[in-house]
C-alpha atoms as a PDB file:
ATOM      1  CA  UNK A   1     -12.607   7.531  17.495  1.00  0.00           C
ATOM      2  CA  UNK A   2     -15.222  10.099  16.539  1.00  0.00           C
ATOM      3  CA  UNK A   3     -18.468   9.602  14.657  1.00  0.00           C
ATOM      4  CA  UNK A   4     -17.178   7.812  11.594  1.00  0.00           C
ATOM      5  CA  UNK A   5     -17.868   4.093  11.071  1.00  0.00           C
ATOM      6  CA  UNK A   6     -15.164   1.696   9.931  1.00  0.00           C
ATOM      7  CA  UNK A   7     -17.725  -0.876   8.821  1.00  0.00           C
ATOM      8  CA  UNK A   8     -16.536  -2.376   5.533  1.00  0.00           C
ATOM      9  CA  UNK A   9     -13.351  -0.315   5.350  1.00  0.00           C
ATOM     10  CA  UNK A  10     -10.248  -1.679   3.575  1.00  0.00           C
ATOM     11  CA  UNK A  11      -6.633  -0.675   4.209  1.00  0.00           C
ATOM     12  CA  UNK A  12      -4.044  -1.919   1.724  1.00  0.00           C
ATOM     13  CA  UNK A  13      -0.933  -0.915   3.660  1.00  0.00           C
ATOM     14  CA  UNK A  14      -0.346  -1.880   7.311  1.00  0.00           C
ATOM     15  CA  UNK A  15       2.829  -3.076   9.065  1.00  0.00           C
ATOM     16  CA  UNK A  16       2.712  -5.700  11.840  1.00  0.00           C
ATOM     17  CA  UNK A  17       4.925  -7.892  13.996  1.00  0.00           C
ATOM     18  CA  UNK A  18       6.980  -9.990  13.465  1.00  0.00           C
ATOM     19  CA  UNK A  19       9.255  -7.294  12.089  1.00  0.00           C
ATOM     20  CA  UNK A  20      12.816  -6.084  12.571  1.00  0.00           C
ATOM     21  CA  UNK A  21      11.261  -2.877  13.858  1.00  0.00           C
ATOM     22  CA  UNK A  22       8.763  -3.239  16.704  1.00  0.00           C
ATOM     23  CA  UNK A  23       5.201  -2.685  15.510  1.00  0.00           C
ATOM     24  CA  UNK A  24       2.116  -1.779  17.517  1.00  0.00           C
ATOM     25  CA  UNK A  25       0.200  -4.971  16.685  1.00  0.00           C
ATOM     26  CA  UNK A  26       1.129  -8.448  15.607  1.00  0.00           C
ATOM     27  CA  UNK A  27      -0.866 -10.069  12.807  1.00  0.00           C
ATOM     28  CA  UNK A  28      -3.504 -11.577  15.093  1.00  0.00           C
ATOM     29  CA  UNK A  29      -3.894  -8.383  17.132  1.00  0.00           C
ATOM     30  CA  UNK A  30      -4.452  -6.396  13.951  1.00  0.00           C
ATOM     31  CA  UNK A  31      -6.955  -8.976  12.741  1.00  0.00           C
ATOM     32  CA  UNK A  32      -8.895  -8.772  16.016  1.00  0.00           C
ATOM     33  CA  UNK A  33      -8.902  -4.969  15.901  1.00  0.00           C
ATOM     34  CA  UNK A  34     -10.196  -5.067  12.331  1.00  0.00           C
ATOM     35  CA  UNK A  35     -12.950  -7.522  13.263  1.00  0.00           C
ATOM     36  CA  UNK A  36     -13.989  -5.387  16.247  1.00  0.00           C
ATOM     37  CA  UNK A  37     -14.591  -2.340  14.033  1.00  0.00           C
ATOM     38  CA  UNK A  38     -16.162  -4.290  11.171  1.00  0.00           C
ATOM     39  CA  UNK A  39     -13.411  -3.815   8.588  1.00  0.00           C
ATOM     40  CA  UNK A  40     -13.601  -5.801   5.369  1.00  0.00           C
ATOM     41  CA  UNK A  41      -9.895  -6.374   4.590  1.00  0.00           C
ATOM     42  CA  UNK A  42      -6.305  -5.376   5.279  1.00  0.00           C
ATOM     43  CA  UNK A  43      -3.113  -6.007   3.319  1.00  0.00           C
ATOM     44  CA  UNK A  44      -0.149  -6.579   5.620  1.00  0.00           C
ATOM     45  CA  UNK A  45       3.273  -5.471   4.452  1.00  0.00           C
ATOM     46  CA  UNK A  46       6.857  -6.107   5.510  1.00  0.00           C
ATOM     47  CA  UNK A  47      10.128  -4.689   4.232  1.00  0.00           C
ATOM     48  CA  UNK A  48      11.614  -8.133   4.963  1.00  0.00           C
ATOM     49  CA  UNK A  49       9.907 -10.014   2.158  1.00  0.00           C
ATOM     50  CA  UNK A  50       6.523 -11.699   2.089  1.00  0.00           C
ATOM     51  CA  UNK A  51       3.367 -11.860   4.204  1.00  0.00           C
ATOM     52  CA  UNK A  52       1.029 -14.175   2.288  1.00  0.00           C
ATOM     53  CA  UNK A  53       1.784 -17.072   4.666  1.00  0.00           C
ATOM     54  CA  UNK A  54       0.979 -14.866   7.640  1.00  0.00           C
ATOM     55  CA  UNK A  55      -2.258 -13.712   6.009  1.00  0.00           C
ATOM     56  CA  UNK A  56      -3.272 -17.338   5.473  1.00  0.00           C
ATOM     57  CA  UNK A  57      -2.732 -18.113   9.151  1.00  0.00           C
ATOM     58  CA  UNK A  58      -4.778 -15.062  10.161  1.00  0.00           C
ATOM     59  CA  UNK A  59      -7.681 -16.141   7.990  1.00  0.00           C
ATOM     60  CA  UNK A  60      -7.472 -19.708   9.304  1.00  0.00           C
ATOM     61  CA  UNK A  61      -7.327 -18.410  12.882  1.00  0.00           C
ATOM     62  CA  UNK A  62     -10.348 -16.202  12.171  1.00  0.00           C
ATOM     63  CA  UNK A  63     -12.238 -19.211  10.832  1.00  0.00           C
ATOM     64  CA  UNK A  64     -11.386 -21.394  13.837  1.00  0.00           C
ATOM     65  CA  UNK A  65     -11.882 -18.788  16.567  1.00  0.00           C
ATOM     66  CA  UNK A  66     -14.753 -16.759  15.137  1.00  0.00           C
ATOM     67  CA  UNK A  67     -16.484 -19.447  13.117  1.00  0.00           C
ATOM     68  CA  UNK A  68     -17.482 -17.276  10.199  1.00  0.00           C
ATOM     69  CA  UNK A  69     -19.252 -14.581  12.234  1.00  0.00           C
ATOM     70  CA  UNK A  70     -17.495 -11.750  10.349  1.00  0.00           C
ATOM     71  CA  UNK A  71     -16.585 -10.740   6.818  1.00  0.00           C
ATOM     72  CA  UNK A  72     -12.926  -9.860   7.401  1.00  0.00           C
ATOM     73  CA  UNK A  73     -10.083 -11.083   5.168  1.00  0.00           C
ATOM     74  CA  UNK A  74      -6.350 -10.570   5.623  1.00  0.00           C
ATOM     75  CA  UNK A  75      -4.271 -10.358   2.466  1.00  0.00           C
ATOM     76  CA  UNK A  76      -0.531 -10.801   1.957  1.00  0.00           C
ATOM     77  CA  UNK A  77       2.075  -9.189  -0.247  1.00  0.00           C
ATOM     78  CA  UNK A  78       5.676  -9.281  -1.371  1.00  0.00           C
ATOM     79  CA  UNK A  79       8.220  -6.450  -1.259  1.00  0.00           C
ATOM     80  CA  UNK A  80      11.098  -6.745  -3.717  1.00  0.00           C
ATOM     81  CA  UNK A  81      13.960  -5.723  -1.475  1.00  0.00           C
ATOM     82  CA  UNK A  82      17.414  -7.312  -1.458  1.00  0.00           C
ATOM     83  CA  UNK A  83      16.228  -9.840   1.160  1.00  0.00           C
ATOM     84  CA  UNK A  84      14.166 -11.671  -1.513  1.00  0.00           C
ATOM     85  CA  UNK A  85      16.761 -11.210  -4.245  1.00  0.00           C
ATOM     86  CA  UNK A  86      15.463  -7.872  -5.515  1.00  0.00           C
ATOM     87  CA  UNK A  87      13.502  -7.988  -8.761  1.00  0.00           C
ATOM     88  CA  UNK A  88      13.040 -11.730  -8.492  1.00  0.00           C
ATOM     89  CA  UNK A  89      10.307 -13.224 -10.724  1.00  0.00           C
ATOM     90  CA  UNK A  90      10.563 -16.636  -9.019  1.00  0.00           C
ATOM     91  CA  UNK A  91       9.813 -15.096  -5.622  1.00  0.00           C
ATOM     92  CA  UNK A  92       6.909 -13.126  -7.120  1.00  0.00           C
ATOM     93  CA  UNK A  93       5.554 -16.236  -8.839  1.00  0.00           C
ATOM     94  CA  UNK A  94       5.462 -18.287  -5.651  1.00  0.00           C
ATOM     95  CA  UNK A  95       4.011 -15.436  -3.592  1.00  0.00           C
ATOM     96  CA  UNK A  96       1.185 -14.808  -6.040  1.00  0.00           C
ATOM     97  CA  UNK A  97       0.405 -18.516  -6.320  1.00  0.00           C
ATOM     98  CA  UNK A  98       0.188 -18.651  -2.518  1.00  0.00           C
ATOM     99  CA  UNK A  99      -2.290 -15.779  -2.481  1.00  0.00           C
ATOM    100  CA  UNK A 100      -0.328 -12.519  -2.295  1.00  0.00           C
ATOM    101  CA  UNK A 101      -2.319  -9.629  -3.759  1.00  0.00           C
ATOM    102  CA  UNK A 102       0.232  -6.818  -3.873  1.00  0.00           C
ATOM    103  CA  UNK A 103       3.726  -6.726  -5.342  1.00  0.00           C
ATOM    104  CA  UNK A 104       5.674  -3.785  -4.020  1.00  0.00           C
ATOM    105  CA  UNK A 105       8.820  -2.638  -5.781  1.00  0.00           C
ATOM    106  CA  UNK A 106      11.852  -2.022  -3.512  1.00  0.00           C
ATOM    107  CA  UNK A 107      11.394   0.008  -0.358  1.00  0.00           C
ATOM    108  CA  UNK A 108      14.480   0.183   1.828  1.00  0.00           C
ATOM    109  CA  UNK A 109      16.590  -1.329  -0.980  1.00  0.00           C
ATOM    110  CA  UNK A 110      15.435   1.179  -3.605  1.00  0.00           C
ATOM    111  CA  UNK A 111      18.188   3.355  -5.027  1.00  0.00           C
ATOM    112  CA  UNK A 112      16.077   6.448  -4.368  1.00  0.00           C
ATOM    113  CA  UNK A 113      15.493   5.452  -0.724  1.00  0.00           C
ATOM    114  CA  UNK A 114      19.164   4.763  -0.115  1.00  0.00           C
ATOM    115  CA  UNK A 115      20.217   8.033  -1.742  1.00  0.00           C
ATOM    116  CA  UNK A 116      17.776  10.046   0.359  1.00  0.00           C
ATOM    117  CA  UNK A 117      19.036   8.272   3.488  1.00  0.00           C
ATOM    118  CA  UNK A 118      22.667   8.948   2.474  1.00  0.00           C
ATOM    119  CA  UNK A 119      23.454   5.236   2.287  1.00  0.00           C
ATOM    120  CA  UNK A 120      25.865   3.380   0.007  1.00  0.00           C
ATOM    121  CA  UNK A 121      23.806   2.606  -3.092  1.00  0.00           C
ATOM    122  CA  UNK A 122      26.147  -0.126  -4.324  1.00  0.00           C
ATOM    123  CA  UNK A 123      23.805  -2.712  -2.804  1.00  0.00           C
ATOM    124  CA  UNK A 124      20.573  -1.164  -4.032  1.00  0.00           C
ATOM    125  CA  UNK A 125      17.885  -2.877  -6.109  1.00  0.00           C
ATOM    126  CA  UNK A 126      17.546  -1.033  -9.399  1.00  0.00           C
ATOM    127  CA  UNK A 127      14.228  -0.838 -11.229  1.00  0.00           C
ATOM    128  CA  UNK A 128      15.482   1.195 -14.186  1.00  0.00           C
ATOM    129  CA  UNK A 129      18.703   1.371 -16.095  1.00  0.00           C
ATOM    130  CA  UNK A 130      19.542   3.787 -18.922  1.00  0.00           C
ATOM    131  CA  UNK A 131      15.985   5.087 -18.978  1.00  0.00           C
ATOM    132  CA  UNK A 132      14.319   1.671 -19.267  1.00  0.00           C
ATOM    133  CA  UNK A 133      13.053  -0.915 -16.801  1.00  0.00           C
ATOM    134  CA  UNK A 134      15.474  -3.664 -15.848  1.00  0.00           C
ATOM    135  CA  UNK A 135      14.758  -6.854 -17.851  1.00  0.00           C
ATOM    136  CA  UNK A 136      13.555  -8.846 -14.836  1.00  0.00           C
ATOM    137  CA  UNK A 137      10.661  -6.431 -14.353  1.00  0.00           C
ATOM    138  CA  UNK A 138       9.095  -7.587 -17.624  1.00  0.00           C
ATOM    139  CA  UNK A 139       8.569 -11.041 -16.120  1.00  0.00           C
ATOM    140  CA  UNK A 140       7.299  -9.534 -12.867  1.00  0.00           C
ATOM    141  CA  UNK A 141       4.767  -7.423 -14.770  1.00  0.00           C
ATOM    142  CA  UNK A 142       3.562 -10.476 -16.676  1.00  0.00           C
ATOM    143  CA  UNK A 143       3.001 -12.331 -13.402  1.00  0.00           C
ATOM    144  CA  UNK A 144       1.117  -9.397 -11.867  1.00  0.00           C
ATOM    145  CA  UNK A 145      -1.045  -9.161 -14.997  1.00  0.00           C
ATOM    146  CA  UNK A 146      -1.777 -12.884 -15.120  1.00  0.00           C
ATOM    147  CA  UNK A 147      -2.742 -13.029 -11.434  1.00  0.00           C
ATOM    148  CA  UNK A 148      -4.718  -9.760 -11.608  1.00  0.00           C
ATOM    149  CA  UNK A 149      -2.597  -8.544  -8.691  1.00  0.00           C
ATOM    150  CA  UNK A 150      -1.593  -5.005  -7.729  1.00  0.00           C
ATOM    151  CA  UNK A 151       1.683  -3.232  -8.479  1.00  0.00           C
ATOM    152  CA  UNK A 152       2.840  -0.790  -5.792  1.00  0.00           C
ATOM    153  CA  UNK A 153       5.636   1.615  -6.715  1.00  0.00           C
ATOM    154  CA  UNK A 154       7.038   1.644  -3.144  1.00  0.00           C
ATOM    155  CA  UNK A 155      10.039   3.910  -2.522  1.00  0.00           C
ATOM    156  CA  UNK A 156      11.284   4.549  -6.046  1.00  0.00           C
ATOM    157  CA  UNK A 157      11.720   8.093  -7.375  1.00  0.00           C
ATOM    158  CA  UNK A 158       9.163  10.073  -9.410  1.00  0.00           C
ATOM    159  CA  UNK A 159      11.340   9.753 -12.521  1.00  0.00           C
ATOM    160  CA  UNK A 160      11.588   5.996 -12.040  1.00  0.00           C
ATOM    161  CA  UNK A 161       7.843   5.788 -11.389  1.00  0.00           C
ATOM    162  CA  UNK A 162       7.071   7.327 -14.760  1.00  0.00           C
ATOM    163  CA  UNK A 163       9.231   4.767 -16.581  1.00  0.00           C
ATOM    164  CA  UNK A 164       7.904   1.868 -14.511  1.00  0.00           C
ATOM    165  CA  UNK A 165       4.227   2.812 -14.833  1.00  0.00           C
ATOM    166  CA  UNK A 166       4.431   3.238 -18.589  1.00  0.00           C
ATOM    167  CA  UNK A 167       6.156  -0.138 -18.975  1.00  0.00           C
ATOM    168  CA  UNK A 168       3.663  -1.805 -16.634  1.00  0.00           C
ATOM    169  CA  UNK A 169       0.696  -0.435 -18.579  1.00  0.00           C
ATOM    170  CA  UNK A 170       2.322  -1.571 -21.843  1.00  0.00           C
ATOM    171  CA  UNK A 171       2.669  -5.041 -20.296  1.00  0.00           C
ATOM    172  CA  UNK A 172      -1.038  -5.155 -19.471  1.00  0.00           C
ATOM    173  CA  UNK A 173      -0.891  -4.508 -15.720  1.00  0.00           C
ATOM    174  CA  UNK A 174      -4.333  -3.173 -14.766  1.00  0.00           C
ATOM    175  CA  UNK A 175      -3.893  -2.324 -11.102  1.00  0.00           C
ATOM    176  CA  UNK A 176      -1.184   0.256 -10.369  1.00  0.00           C
ATOM    177  CA  UNK A 177      -0.878   2.151  -7.092  1.00  0.00           C
ATOM    178  CA  UNK A 178       1.557   5.010  -6.550  1.00  0.00           C
ATOM    179  CA  UNK A 179       2.758   4.317  -3.011  1.00  0.00           C
ATOM    180  CA  UNK A 180       2.562   7.299  -0.602  1.00  0.00           C
ATOM    181  CA  UNK A 181       3.706   9.882  -3.195  1.00  0.00           C
ATOM    182  CA  UNK A 182       3.528  12.540  -0.467  1.00  0.00           C
ATOM    183  CA  UNK A 183       6.334  11.002   1.634  1.00  0.00           C
ATOM    184  CA  UNK A 184       9.515  13.056   1.434  1.00  0.00           C
ATOM    185  CA  UNK A 185      11.534   9.990   0.429  1.00  0.00           C
ATOM    186  CA  UNK A 186       9.352   9.621  -2.676  1.00  0.00           C
ATOM    187  CA  UNK A 187       8.855  13.365  -3.017  1.00  0.00           C
ATOM    188  CA  UNK A 188       6.357  13.475  -5.863  1.00  0.00           C
ATOM    189  CA  UNK A 189       4.985  16.894  -6.766  1.00  0.00           C
ATOM    190  CA  UNK A 190       1.302  17.552  -7.335  1.00  0.00           C
ATOM    191  CA  UNK A 191       2.023  18.035 -11.023  1.00  0.00           C
ATOM    192  CA  UNK A 192       3.806  14.681 -11.240  1.00  0.00           C
ATOM    193  CA  UNK A 193       0.888  12.987  -9.519  1.00  0.00           C
ATOM    194  CA  UNK A 194      -1.565  14.681 -11.883  1.00  0.00           C
ATOM    195  CA  UNK A 195       0.430  13.564 -14.884  1.00  0.00           C
ATOM    196  CA  UNK A 196       0.481   9.924 -13.773  1.00  0.00           C
ATOM    197  CA  UNK A 197      -3.252   9.979 -13.098  1.00  0.00           C
ATOM    198  CA  UNK A 198      -4.134  11.671 -16.382  1.00  0.00           C
ATOM    199  CA  UNK A 199      -1.766   9.672 -18.588  1.00  0.00           C
ATOM    200  CA  UNK A 200      -1.942   6.242 -16.932  1.00  0.00           C
ATOM    201  CA  UNK A 201      -5.102   6.174 -14.775  1.00  0.00           C
ATOM    202  CA  UNK A 202      -3.201   5.118 -11.648  1.00  0.00           C
ATOM    203  CA  UNK A 203      -4.384   5.203  -8.036  1.00  0.00           C
ATOM    204  CA  UNK A 204      -2.608   7.540  -5.615  1.00  0.00           C
ATOM    205  CA  UNK A 205      -2.211   5.967  -2.186  1.00  0.00           C
ATOM    206  CA  UNK A 206      -2.319   8.799   0.337  1.00  0.00           C
ATOM    207  CA  UNK A 207      -1.355   7.715   3.853  1.00  0.00           C
ATOM    208  CA  UNK A 208      -2.081   8.926   7.385  1.00  0.00           C
ATOM    209  CA  UNK A 209       1.378  10.164   8.394  1.00  0.00           C
ATOM    210  CA  UNK A 210       4.964  10.140   7.195  1.00  0.00           C
ATOM    211  CA  UNK A 211       8.217   9.238   8.884  1.00  0.00           C
ATOM    212  CA  UNK A 212      10.437  12.292   9.131  1.00  0.00           C
ATOM    213  CA  UNK A 213      13.296  10.397  10.827  1.00  0.00           C
ATOM    214  CA  UNK A 214      14.358  10.109  14.427  1.00  0.00           C
ATOM    215  CA  UNK A 215      11.007   8.732  15.509  1.00  0.00           C
ATOM    216  CA  UNK A 216       9.195  11.892  14.375  1.00  0.00           C
ATOM    217  CA  UNK A 217       6.044  11.729  12.240  1.00  0.00           C
ATOM    218  CA  UNK A 218       4.196  14.408  10.296  1.00  0.00           C
ATOM    219  CA  UNK A 219       0.481  14.315   9.569  1.00  0.00           C
ATOM    220  CA  UNK A 220      -0.301  14.009   5.865  1.00  0.00           C
ATOM    221  CA  UNK A 221      -3.968  14.879   6.288  1.00  0.00           C
ATOM    222  CA  UNK A 222      -3.901  18.544   5.132  1.00  0.00           C
ATOM    223  CA  UNK A 223      -1.864  17.619   2.046  1.00  0.00           C
ATOM    224  CA  UNK A 224      -4.119  14.643   1.351  1.00  0.00           C
ATOM    225  CA  UNK A 225      -7.179  16.881   1.490  1.00  0.00           C
ATOM    226  CA  UNK A 226      -5.565  19.234  -1.019  1.00  0.00           C
ATOM    227  CA  UNK A 227      -4.774  16.321  -3.334  1.00  0.00           C
ATOM    228  CA  UNK A 228      -8.355  15.057  -3.211  1.00  0.00           C
ATOM    229  CA  UNK A 229      -9.616  18.519  -4.108  1.00  0.00           C
ATOM    230  CA  UNK A 230      -6.982  19.089  -6.793  1.00  0.00           C
ATOM    231  CA  UNK A 231      -6.854  15.697  -8.528  1.00  0.00           C
ATOM    232  CA  UNK A 232     -10.161  14.113  -7.563  1.00  0.00           C
ATOM    233  CA  UNK A 233     -11.276  11.451  -5.115  1.00  0.00           C
ATOM    234  CA  UNK A 234     -11.722   8.919  -7.923  1.00  0.00           C
ATOM    235  CA  UNK A 235      -7.948   8.462  -8.051  1.00  0.00           C
ATOM    236  CA  UNK A 236      -7.107   8.608  -4.328  1.00  0.00           C
ATOM    237  CA  UNK A 237      -7.044   5.600  -2.006  1.00  0.00           C
ATOM    238  CA  UNK A 238      -7.099   6.218   1.745  1.00  0.00           C
ATOM    239  CA  UNK A 239      -4.569   3.982   3.540  1.00  0.00           C
ATOM    240  CA  UNK A 240      -2.776   4.375   6.848  1.00  0.00           C
ATOM    241  CA  UNK A 241       0.681   2.827   6.262  1.00  0.00           C
ATOM    242  CA  UNK A 242       0.081   2.154   9.936  1.00  0.00           C
ATOM    243  CA  UNK A 243       1.654  -0.010  12.601  1.00  0.00           C
ATOM    244  CA  UNK A 244       4.281   2.309  14.044  1.00  0.00           C
ATOM    245  CA  UNK A 245       4.400   2.537  17.831  1.00  0.00           C
ATOM    246  CA  UNK A 246       4.755   6.330  17.496  1.00  0.00           C
ATOM    247  CA  UNK A 247       1.396   6.656  15.685  1.00  0.00           C
ATOM    248  CA  UNK A 248      -2.160   5.819  16.824  1.00  0.00           C
ATOM    249  CA  UNK A 249      -3.171   2.182  16.554  1.00  0.00           C
ATOM    250  CA  UNK A 250      -4.451   1.204  13.139  1.00  0.00           C
ATOM    251  CA  UNK A 251      -8.193   1.553  13.760  1.00  0.00           C
ATOM    252  CA  UNK A 252      -7.745   4.912  15.507  1.00  0.00           C
ATOM    253  CA  UNK A 253      -5.584   6.288  12.690  1.00  0.00           C
ATOM    254  CA  UNK A 254      -8.058   5.171  10.027  1.00  0.00           C
ATOM    255  CA  UNK A 255     -11.007   6.660  11.918  1.00  0.00           C
ATOM    256  CA  UNK A 256      -9.154   9.947  12.489  1.00  0.00           C
ATOM    257  CA  UNK A 257      -8.238  10.099   8.795  1.00  0.00           C
ATOM    258  CA  UNK A 258     -11.798   9.502   7.600  1.00  0.00           C
ATOM    259  CA  UNK A 259     -13.271  11.890  10.186  1.00  0.00           C
ATOM    260  CA  UNK A 260     -10.808  14.606   9.162  1.00  0.00           C
ATOM    261  CA  UNK A 261     -11.894  14.359   5.535  1.00  0.00           C
ATOM    262  CA  UNK A 262     -15.586  14.477   6.434  1.00  0.00           C
ATOM    263  CA  UNK A 263     -15.057  17.382   8.848  1.00  0.00           C
ATOM    264  CA  UNK A 264     -13.325  19.302   6.062  1.00  0.00           C
ATOM    265  CA  UNK A 265     -16.112  18.962   3.562  1.00  0.00           C
ATOM    266  CA  UNK A 266     -15.371  15.736   1.712  1.00  0.00           C
ATOM    267  CA  UNK A 267     -18.762  14.060   1.146  1.00  0.00           C
ATOM    268  CA  UNK A 268     -19.250  10.721   2.878  1.00  0.00           C
ATOM    269  CA  UNK A 269     -19.891   8.983  -0.441  1.00  0.00           C
ATOM    270  CA  UNK A 270     -16.447  10.107  -1.632  1.00  0.00           C
ATOM    271  CA  UNK A 271     -14.797   8.830   1.566  1.00  0.00           C
ATOM    272  CA  UNK A 272     -16.671   5.573   0.978  1.00  0.00           C
ATOM    273  CA  UNK A 273     -15.257   5.390  -2.530  1.00  0.00           C
ATOM    274  CA  UNK A 274     -11.672   5.983  -1.346  1.00  0.00           C
ATOM    275  CA  UNK A 275     -11.831   3.492   1.537  1.00  0.00           C
ATOM    276  CA  UNK A 276     -14.051   0.761   0.067  1.00  0.00           C
ATOM    277  CA  UNK A 277     -14.797   0.974  -3.645  1.00  0.00           C
ATOM    278  CA  UNK A 278     -11.232   1.475  -4.917  1.00  0.00           C
ATOM    279  CA  UNK A 279      -9.560  -1.185  -2.721  1.00  0.00           C
ATOM    280  CA  UNK A 280     -12.414  -3.647  -3.324  1.00  0.00           C
ATOM    281  CA  UNK A 281     -11.745  -3.423  -7.036  1.00  0.00           C
ATOM    282  CA  UNK A 282      -7.980  -3.727  -6.592  1.00  0.00           C
ATOM    283  CA  UNK A 283      -8.321  -6.821  -4.395  1.00  0.00           C
ATOM    284  CA  UNK A 284     -10.975  -8.476  -6.544  1.00  0.00           C
ATOM    285  CA  UNK A 285     -13.585  -8.376  -3.808  1.00  0.00           C
ATOM    286  CA  UNK A 286     -17.282  -7.919  -4.445  1.00  0.00           C
ATOM    287  CA  UNK A 287     -18.085  -4.291  -5.007  1.00  0.00           C
ATOM    288  CA  UNK A 288     -19.194  -2.443  -1.902  1.00  0.00           C
ATOM    289  CA  UNK A 289     -22.814  -1.270  -2.135  1.00  0.00           C
END
């Protein structure tokens, strides 16, 4: 895994089993891998709904099996696809009360995702209508604000992201992450990313690799390096979006990502900021020294 240390690292976007698509690790396997390398936290994500219950069981398992000999915490989330009723404030409310830390807007049910995949959009989950957010999102934003949780833009389009982010900021949402803007499904230009950062002080989540379809993946690392240099590390969070059987296991992908940045001239203190300081703040953890 190279010279880089994963001690204290946080990844806010990892997929695990159980899932409709086979993942490399299940929740417990991911937890054990994270503990082995000294990670501080991971947020597990599913396109099928919620993971806060699974995160609870991981943390309880960690407590029973490891007896408090590590500092790792698993966090859960909710993804507002059709499977949970779309933009469903009641589902968000219960998830946040049960400990979820991230609320993702639609992924596979997003209109933008379905259009890019040439699917019938009649069953999509809309986030905007006539240039404004759908009414249900106002309640979702209030819940995210009140729980000091994180809003992830997921698979919506750049145009939708602009509307959503402005409305979320107006509603008092503090923690906004633009989900893998580099992925071709999202397709956000550098200028669009710059605008969102400059106007709304968002965090850009730049991930290890992107799904090109047909089981093929493309490394995002060169583009991520360019973004860090162009926009600034202060607004970039290093995540893997890991868990695919086609990609390296989570801890290997994260180490390769961090080592790549260091090998290409990104100072270690900036890598630290992107992998520890930013996600610590988003998750409400004690600031990393």
